[in-house]
């Protein structure tokens, strides 16, 4: 019934999004790593990072040429 009332549904959607607060998958993974798994971050190897970037670009279908 709520979904069929577009204006009321949109009001609920906006309130829901506004109430989420800050959420970040990066922060979540960091929190799990430090608080649950008890592991520390490791510095990123720039060579591996560049390799991953290049591999991603080869498969990125979202970019417009």
PDB file of N, CA and C in Angstrom:
ATOM      1  N   UNK A   1       0.835  -1.196   0.000  1.00  0.00           N
ATOM      2  CA  UNK A   1       0.000   0.000   0.000  1.00  0.00           C
ATOM      3  C   UNK A   1       0.878   1.257   0.000  1.00  0.00           C
ATOM      4  N   UNK A   2       1.935   1.231   0.803  1.00  0.00           N
ATOM      5  CA  UNK A   2       2.828   2.392   0.868  1.00  0.00           C
ATOM      6  C   UNK A   2       3.476   2.662  -0.488  1.00  0.00           C
ATOM      7  N   UNK A   3       3.941   1.604  -1.152  1.00  0.00           N
ATOM      8  CA  UNK A   3       4.627   1.746  -2.432  1.00  0.00           C
ATOM      9  C   UNK A   3       3.697   2.316  -3.505  1.00  0.00           C
ATOM     10  N   UNK A   4       2.433   2.023  -3.415  1.00  0.00           N
ATOM     11  CA  UNK A   4       1.489   2.519  -4.427  1.00  0.00           C
ATOM     12  C   UNK A   4       1.212   4.009  -4.267  1.00  0.00           C
ATOM     13  N   UNK A   5       1.519   4.592  -3.120  1.00  0.00           N
ATOM     14  CA  UNK A   5       1.369   6.030  -2.903  1.00  0.00           C
ATOM     15  C   UNK A   5       2.741   6.669  -3.152  1.00  0.00           C
ATOM     16  N   UNK A   6       2.950   7.132  -4.389  1.00  0.00           N
ATOM     17  CA  UNK A   6       4.275   7.594  -4.809  1.00  0.00           C
ATOM     18  C   UNK A   6       4.842   8.690  -3.908  1.00  0.00           C
ATOM     19  N   UNK A   7       4.062   9.692  -3.596  1.00  0.00           N
ATOM     20  CA  UNK A   7       4.580  10.801  -2.777  1.00  0.00           C
ATOM     21  C   UNK A   7       4.970  10.343  -1.376  1.00  0.00           C
ATOM     22  N   UNK A   8       4.139   9.527  -0.768  1.00  0.00           N
ATOM     23  CA  UNK A   8       4.450   9.037   0.567  1.00  0.00           C
ATOM     24  C   UNK A   8       5.664   8.102   0.525  1.00  0.00           C
ATOM     25  N   UNK A   9       5.717   7.267  -0.523  1.00  0.00           N
ATOM     26  CA  UNK A   9       6.860   6.370  -0.684  1.00  0.00           C
ATOM     27  C   UNK A   9       8.154   7.177  -0.799  1.00  0.00           C
ATOM     28  N   UNK A  10       8.152   8.216  -1.623  1.00  0.00           N
ATOM     29  CA  UNK A  10       9.345   9.038  -1.809  1.00  0.00           C
ATOM     30  C   UNK A  10       9.736   9.734  -0.506  1.00  0.00           C
ATOM     31  N   UNK A  11       8.746  10.154   0.267  1.00  0.00           N
ATOM     32  CA  UNK A  11       9.047  10.764   1.559  1.00  0.00           C
ATOM     33  C   UNK A  11       9.753   9.764   2.475  1.00  0.00           C
ATOM     34  N   UNK A  12       9.263   8.520   2.507  1.00  0.00           N
ATOM     35  CA  UNK A  12       9.913   7.473   3.308  1.00  0.00           C
ATOM     36  C   UNK A  12      11.333   7.201   2.802  1.00  0.00           C
ATOM     37  N   UNK A  13      11.486   7.161   1.488  1.00  0.00           N
ATOM     38  CA  UNK A  13      12.805   6.908   0.898  1.00  0.00           C
ATOM     39  C   UNK A  13      13.791   7.992   1.313  1.00  0.00           C
ATOM     40  N   UNK A  14      13.389   9.242   1.198  1.00  0.00           N
ATOM     41  CA  UNK A  14      14.266  10.365   1.545  1.00  0.00           C
ATOM     42  C   UNK A  14      14.630  10.326   3.025  1.00  0.00           C
ATOM     43  N   UNK A  15      13.653  10.075   3.878  1.00  0.00           N
ATOM     44  CA  UNK A  15      13.938   9.985   5.318  1.00  0.00           C
ATOM     45  C   UNK A  15      14.878   8.815   5.625  1.00  0.00           C
ATOM     46  N   UNK A  16      14.672   7.711   4.933  1.00  0.00           N
ATOM     47  CA  UNK A  16      15.518   6.538   5.145  1.00  0.00           C
ATOM     48  C   UNK A  16      16.965   6.850   4.761  1.00  0.00           C
ATOM     49  N   UNK A  17      17.150   7.458   3.609  1.00  0.00           N
ATOM     50  CA  UNK A  17      18.502   7.805   3.162  1.00  0.00           C
ATOM     51  C   UNK A  17      19.133   8.820   4.110  1.00  0.00           C
ATOM     52  N   UNK A  18      18.369   9.823   4.498  1.00  0.00           N
ATOM     53  CA  UNK A  18      18.902  10.863   5.385  1.00  0.00           C
ATOM     54  C   UNK A  18      19.262  10.310   6.759  1.00  0.00           C
ATOM     55  N   UNK A  19      18.590   9.261   7.167  1.00  0.00           N
ATOM     56  CA  UNK A  19      18.835   8.696   8.502  1.00  0.00           C
ATOM     57  C   UNK A  19      19.992   7.697   8.540  1.00  0.00           C
ATOM     58  N   UNK A  20      20.534   7.356   7.381  1.00  0.00           N
ATOM     59  CA  UNK A  20      21.596   6.357   7.346  1.00  0.00           C
ATOM     60  C   UNK A  20      22.867   6.828   8.028  1.00  0.00           C
ATOM     61  N   UNK A  21      23.110   8.116   7.997  1.00  0.00           N
ATOM     62  CA  UNK A  21      24.367   8.608   8.544  1.00  0.00           C
ATOM     63  C   UNK A  21      25.511   8.265   7.613  1.00  0.00           C
ATOM     64  N   UNK A  22      26.712   8.393   8.109  1.00  0.00           N
ATOM     65  CA  UNK A  22      27.869   8.081   7.282  1.00  0.00           C
ATOM     66  C   UNK A  22      28.048   6.575   7.177  1.00  0.00           C
ATOM     67  N   UNK A  23      28.163   6.098   5.966  1.00  0.00           N
ATOM     68  CA  UNK A  23      28.453   4.691   5.751  1.00  0.00           C
ATOM     69  C   UNK A  23      29.472   4.589   4.641  1.00  0.00           C
ATOM     70  N   UNK A  24      30.460   3.800   4.873  1.00  0.00           N
ATOM     71  CA  UNK A  24      31.504   3.604   3.889  1.00  0.00           C
ATOM     72  C   UNK A  24      31.962   2.162   3.957  1.00  0.00           C
ATOM     73  N   UNK A  25      32.011   1.501   2.819  1.00  0.00           N
ATOM     74  CA  UNK A  25      32.507   0.129   2.823  1.00  0.00           C
ATOM     75  C   UNK A  25      33.965   0.112   3.247  1.00  0.00           C
ATOM     76  N   UNK A  26      34.716   1.142   2.860  1.00  0.00           N
ATOM     77  CA  UNK A  26      36.117   1.207   3.286  1.00  0.00           C
ATOM     78  C   UNK A  26      36.211   1.256   4.810  1.00  0.00           C
ATOM     79  N   UNK A  27      35.379   2.100   5.424  1.00  0.00           N
ATOM     80  CA  UNK A  27      35.391   2.196   6.875  1.00  0.00           C
ATOM     81  C   UNK A  27      34.940   0.889   7.518  1.00  0.00           C
ATOM     82  N   UNK A  28      33.932   0.263   6.936  1.00  0.00           N
ATOM     83  CA  UNK A  28      33.438  -1.005   7.482  1.00  0.00           C
ATOM     84  C   UNK A  28      34.512  -2.079   7.445  1.00  0.00           C
ATOM     85  N   UNK A  29      35.199  -2.196   6.313  1.00  0.00           N
ATOM     86  CA  UNK A  29      36.266  -3.195   6.204  1.00  0.00           C
ATOM     87  C   UNK A  29      37.384  -2.864   7.181  1.00  0.00           C
ATOM     88  N   UNK A  30      37.716  -1.592   7.298  1.00  0.00           N
ATOM     89  CA  UNK A  30      38.764  -1.178   8.239  1.00  0.00           C
ATOM     90  C   UNK A  30      38.368  -1.536   9.670  1.00  0.00           C
ATOM     91  N   UNK A  31      37.110  -1.261  10.030  1.00  0.00           N
ATOM     92  CA  UNK A  31      36.639  -1.581  11.378  1.00  0.00           C
ATOM     93  C   UNK A  31      36.686  -3.083  11.647  1.00  0.00           C
ATOM     94  N   UNK A  32      36.233  -3.888  10.681  1.00  0.00           N
ATOM     95  CA  UNK A  32      36.322  -5.332  10.842  1.00  0.00           C
ATOM     96  C   UNK A  32      37.771  -5.768  11.013  1.00  0.00           C
ATOM     97  N   UNK A  33      38.648  -5.240  10.164  1.00  0.00           N
ATOM     98  CA  UNK A  33      40.056  -5.643  10.201  1.00  0.00           C
ATOM     99  C   UNK A  33      40.686  -5.331  11.553  1.00  0.00           C
ATOM    100  N   UNK A  34      40.454  -4.137  12.059  1.00  0.00           N
ATOM    101  CA  UNK A  34      41.117  -3.738  13.304  1.00  0.00           C
ATOM    102  C   UNK A  34      40.413  -4.282  14.549  1.00  0.00           C
ATOM    103  N   UNK A  35      39.084  -4.272  14.551  1.00  0.00           N
ATOM    104  CA  UNK A  35      38.348  -4.631  15.768  1.00  0.00           C
ATOM    105  C   UNK A  35      37.995  -6.109  15.888  1.00  0.00           C
ATOM    106  N   UNK A  36      37.811  -6.788  14.774  1.00  0.00           N
ATOM    107  CA  UNK A  36      37.391  -8.182  14.832  1.00  0.00           C
ATOM    108  C   UNK A  36      38.537  -9.119  14.455  1.00  0.00           C
ATOM    109  N   UNK A  37      39.174  -8.838  13.327  1.00  0.00           N
ATOM    110  CA  UNK A  37      40.237  -9.724  12.853  1.00  0.00           C
ATOM    111  C   UNK A  37      41.592  -9.402  13.480  1.00  0.00           C
ATOM    112  N   UNK A  38      41.694  -8.222  14.096  1.00  0.00           N
ATOM    113  CA  UNK A  38      42.943  -7.791  14.759  1.00  0.00           C
ATOM    114  C   UNK A  38      44.151  -7.791  13.809  1.00  0.00           C
ATOM    115  N   UNK A  39      43.942  -7.260  12.609  1.00  0.00           N
ATOM    116  CA  UNK A  39      45.042  -7.130  11.649  1.00  0.00           C
ATOM    117  C   UNK A  39      45.256  -5.654  11.345  1.00  0.00           C
ATOM    118  N   UNK A  40      46.459  -5.308  10.949  1.00  0.00           N
ATOM    119  CA  UNK A  40      46.804  -3.923  10.629  1.00  0.00           C
ATOM    120  C   UNK A  40      46.934  -3.744   9.122  1.00  0.00           C
ATOM    121  N   UNK A  41      46.646  -2.541   8.635  1.00  0.00           N
ATOM    122  CA  UNK A  41      46.790  -2.281   7.203  1.00  0.00           C
ATOM    123  C   UNK A  41      48.248  -2.429   6.765  1.00  0.00           C
ATOM    124  N   UNK A  42      48.411  -2.844   5.541  1.00  0.00           N
ATOM    125  CA  UNK A  42      49.739  -2.984   4.959  1.00  0.00           C
ATOM    126  C   UNK A  42      49.874  -1.924   3.867  1.00  0.00           C
ATOM    127  N   UNK A  43      51.025  -1.270   3.765  1.00  0.00           N
ATOM    128  CA  UNK A  43      51.191  -0.275   2.699  1.00  0.00           C
ATOM    129  C   UNK A  43      50.987  -0.903   1.320  1.00  0.00           C
ATOM    130  N   UNK A  44      50.385  -0.132   0.433  1.00  0.00           N
ATOM    131  CA  UNK A  44      50.101  -0.612  -0.918  1.00  0.00           C
ATOM    132  C   UNK A  44      51.360  -0.514  -1.767  1.00  0.00           C
ATOM    133  N   UNK A  45      51.676  -1.604  -2.454  1.00  0.00           N
ATOM    134  CA  UNK A  45      52.805  -1.628  -3.379  1.00  0.00           C
ATOM    135  C   UNK A  45      52.380  -0.864  -4.636  1.00  0.00           C
ATOM    136  N   UNK A  46      53.052   0.254  -4.978  1.00  0.00           N
ATOM    137  CA  UNK A  46      52.642   1.057  -6.130  1.00  0.00           C
ATOM    138  C   UNK A  46      52.658   0.278  -7.446  1.00  0.00           C
ATOM    139  N   UNK A  47      53.533  -0.691  -7.575  1.00  0.00           N
ATOM    140  CA  UNK A  47      53.595  -1.488  -8.797  1.00  0.00           C
ATOM    141  C   UNK A  47      52.336  -2.341  -8.940  1.00  0.00           C
ATOM    142  N   UNK A  48      51.930  -2.966  -7.844  1.00  0.00           N
ATOM    143  CA  UNK A  48      50.723  -3.796  -7.874  1.00  0.00           C
ATOM    144  C   UNK A  48      49.490  -2.908  -8.091  1.00  0.00           C
ATOM    145  N   UNK A  49      49.454  -1.751  -7.462  1.00  0.00           N
ATOM    146  CA  UNK A  49      48.335  -0.831  -7.629  1.00  0.00           C
ATOM    147  C   UNK A  49      48.189  -0.431  -9.090  1.00  0.00           C
ATOM    148  N   UNK A  50      49.276  -0.101  -9.746  1.00  0.00           N
ATOM    149  CA  UNK A  50      49.232   0.279 -11.169  1.00  0.00           C
ATOM    150  C   UNK A  50      48.763  -0.889 -12.023  1.00  0.00           C
ATOM    151  N   UNK A  51      49.209  -2.088 -11.695  1.00  0.00           N
ATOM    152  CA  UNK A  51      48.787  -3.276 -12.441  1.00  0.00           C
ATOM    153  C   UNK A  51      47.275  -3.486 -12.316  1.00  0.00           C
ATOM    154  N   UNK A  52      46.755  -3.328 -11.105  1.00  0.00           N
ATOM    155  CA  UNK A  52      45.313  -3.479 -10.880  1.00  0.00           C
ATOM    156  C   UNK A  52      44.552  -2.401 -11.648  1.00  0.00           C
ATOM    157  N   UNK A  53      45.052  -1.181 -11.634  1.00  0.00           N
ATOM    158  CA  UNK A  53      44.389  -0.099 -12.379  1.00  0.00           C
ATOM    159  C   UNK A  53      44.324  -0.421 -13.868  1.00  0.00           C
ATOM    160  N   UNK A  54      45.414  -0.908 -14.420  1.00  0.00           N
ATOM    161  CA  UNK A  54      45.448  -1.238 -15.840  1.00  0.00           C
ATOM    162  C   UNK A  54      44.479  -2.381 -16.161  1.00  0.00           C
ATOM    163  N   UNK A  55      44.446  -3.388 -15.315  1.00  0.00           N
ATOM    164  CA  UNK A  55      43.517  -4.501 -15.527  1.00  0.00           C
ATOM    165  C   UNK A  55      42.079  -4.022 -15.450  1.00  0.00           C
ATOM    166  N   UNK A  56      41.792  -3.128 -14.534  1.00  0.00           N
ATOM    167  CA  UNK A  56      40.435  -2.592 -14.404  1.00  0.00           C
ATOM    168  C   UNK A  56      40.055  -1.823 -15.660  1.00  0.00           C
ATOM    169  N   UNK A  57      40.967  -0.987 -16.152  1.00  0.00           N
ATOM    170  CA  UNK A  57      40.672  -0.189 -17.337  1.00  0.00           C
ATOM    171  C   UNK A  57      40.374  -1.070 -18.546  1.00  0.00           C
ATOM    172  N   UNK A  58      41.018  -2.222 -18.635  1.00  0.00           N
ATOM    173  CA  UNK A  58      40.785  -3.130 -19.756  1.00  0.00           C
ATOM    174  C   UNK A  58      39.358  -3.673 -19.745  1.00  0.00           C
ATOM    175  N   UNK A  59      38.744  -3.773 -18.576  1.00  0.00           N
ATOM    176  CA  UNK A  59      37.427  -4.382 -18.435  1.00  0.00           C
ATOM    177  C   UNK A  59      36.326  -3.382 -18.073  1.00  0.00           C
ATOM    178  N   UNK A  60      36.673  -2.114 -17.993  1.00  0.00           N
ATOM    179  CA  UNK A  60      35.706  -1.087 -17.596  1.00  0.00           C
ATOM    180  C   UNK A  60      34.767  -0.794 -18.761  1.00  0.00           C
ATOM    181  N   UNK A  61      33.537  -1.215 -18.629  1.00  0.00           N
ATOM    182  CA  UNK A  61      32.544  -1.021 -19.709  1.00  0.00           C
ATOM    183  C   UNK A  61      31.719   0.252 -19.499  1.00  0.00           C
ATOM    184  N   UNK A  62      31.972   0.968 -18.415  1.00  0.00           N
ATOM    185  CA  UNK A  62      31.156   2.139 -18.095  1.00  0.00           C
ATOM    186  C   UNK A  62      31.660   3.404 -18.778  1.00  0.00           C
ATOM    187  N   UNK A  63      32.875   3.402 -19.215  1.00  0.00           N
ATOM    188  CA  UNK A  63      33.441   4.617 -19.808  1.00  0.00           C
ATOM    189  C   UNK A  63      32.982   4.795 -21.234  1.00  0.00           C
ATOM    190  N   UNK A  64      32.735   6.026 -21.599  1.00  0.00           N
ATOM    191  CA  UNK A  64      32.370   6.367 -22.959  1.00  0.00           C
ATOM    192  C   UNK A  64      33.639   6.786 -23.688  1.00  0.00           C
ATOM    193  N   UNK A  65      33.916   6.153 -24.844  1.00  0.00           N
ATOM    194  CA  UNK A  65      35.171   6.504 -25.559  1.00  0.00           C
ATOM    195  C   UNK A  65      35.201   7.935 -26.038  1.00  0.00           C
TER     196      UNK A  65
END
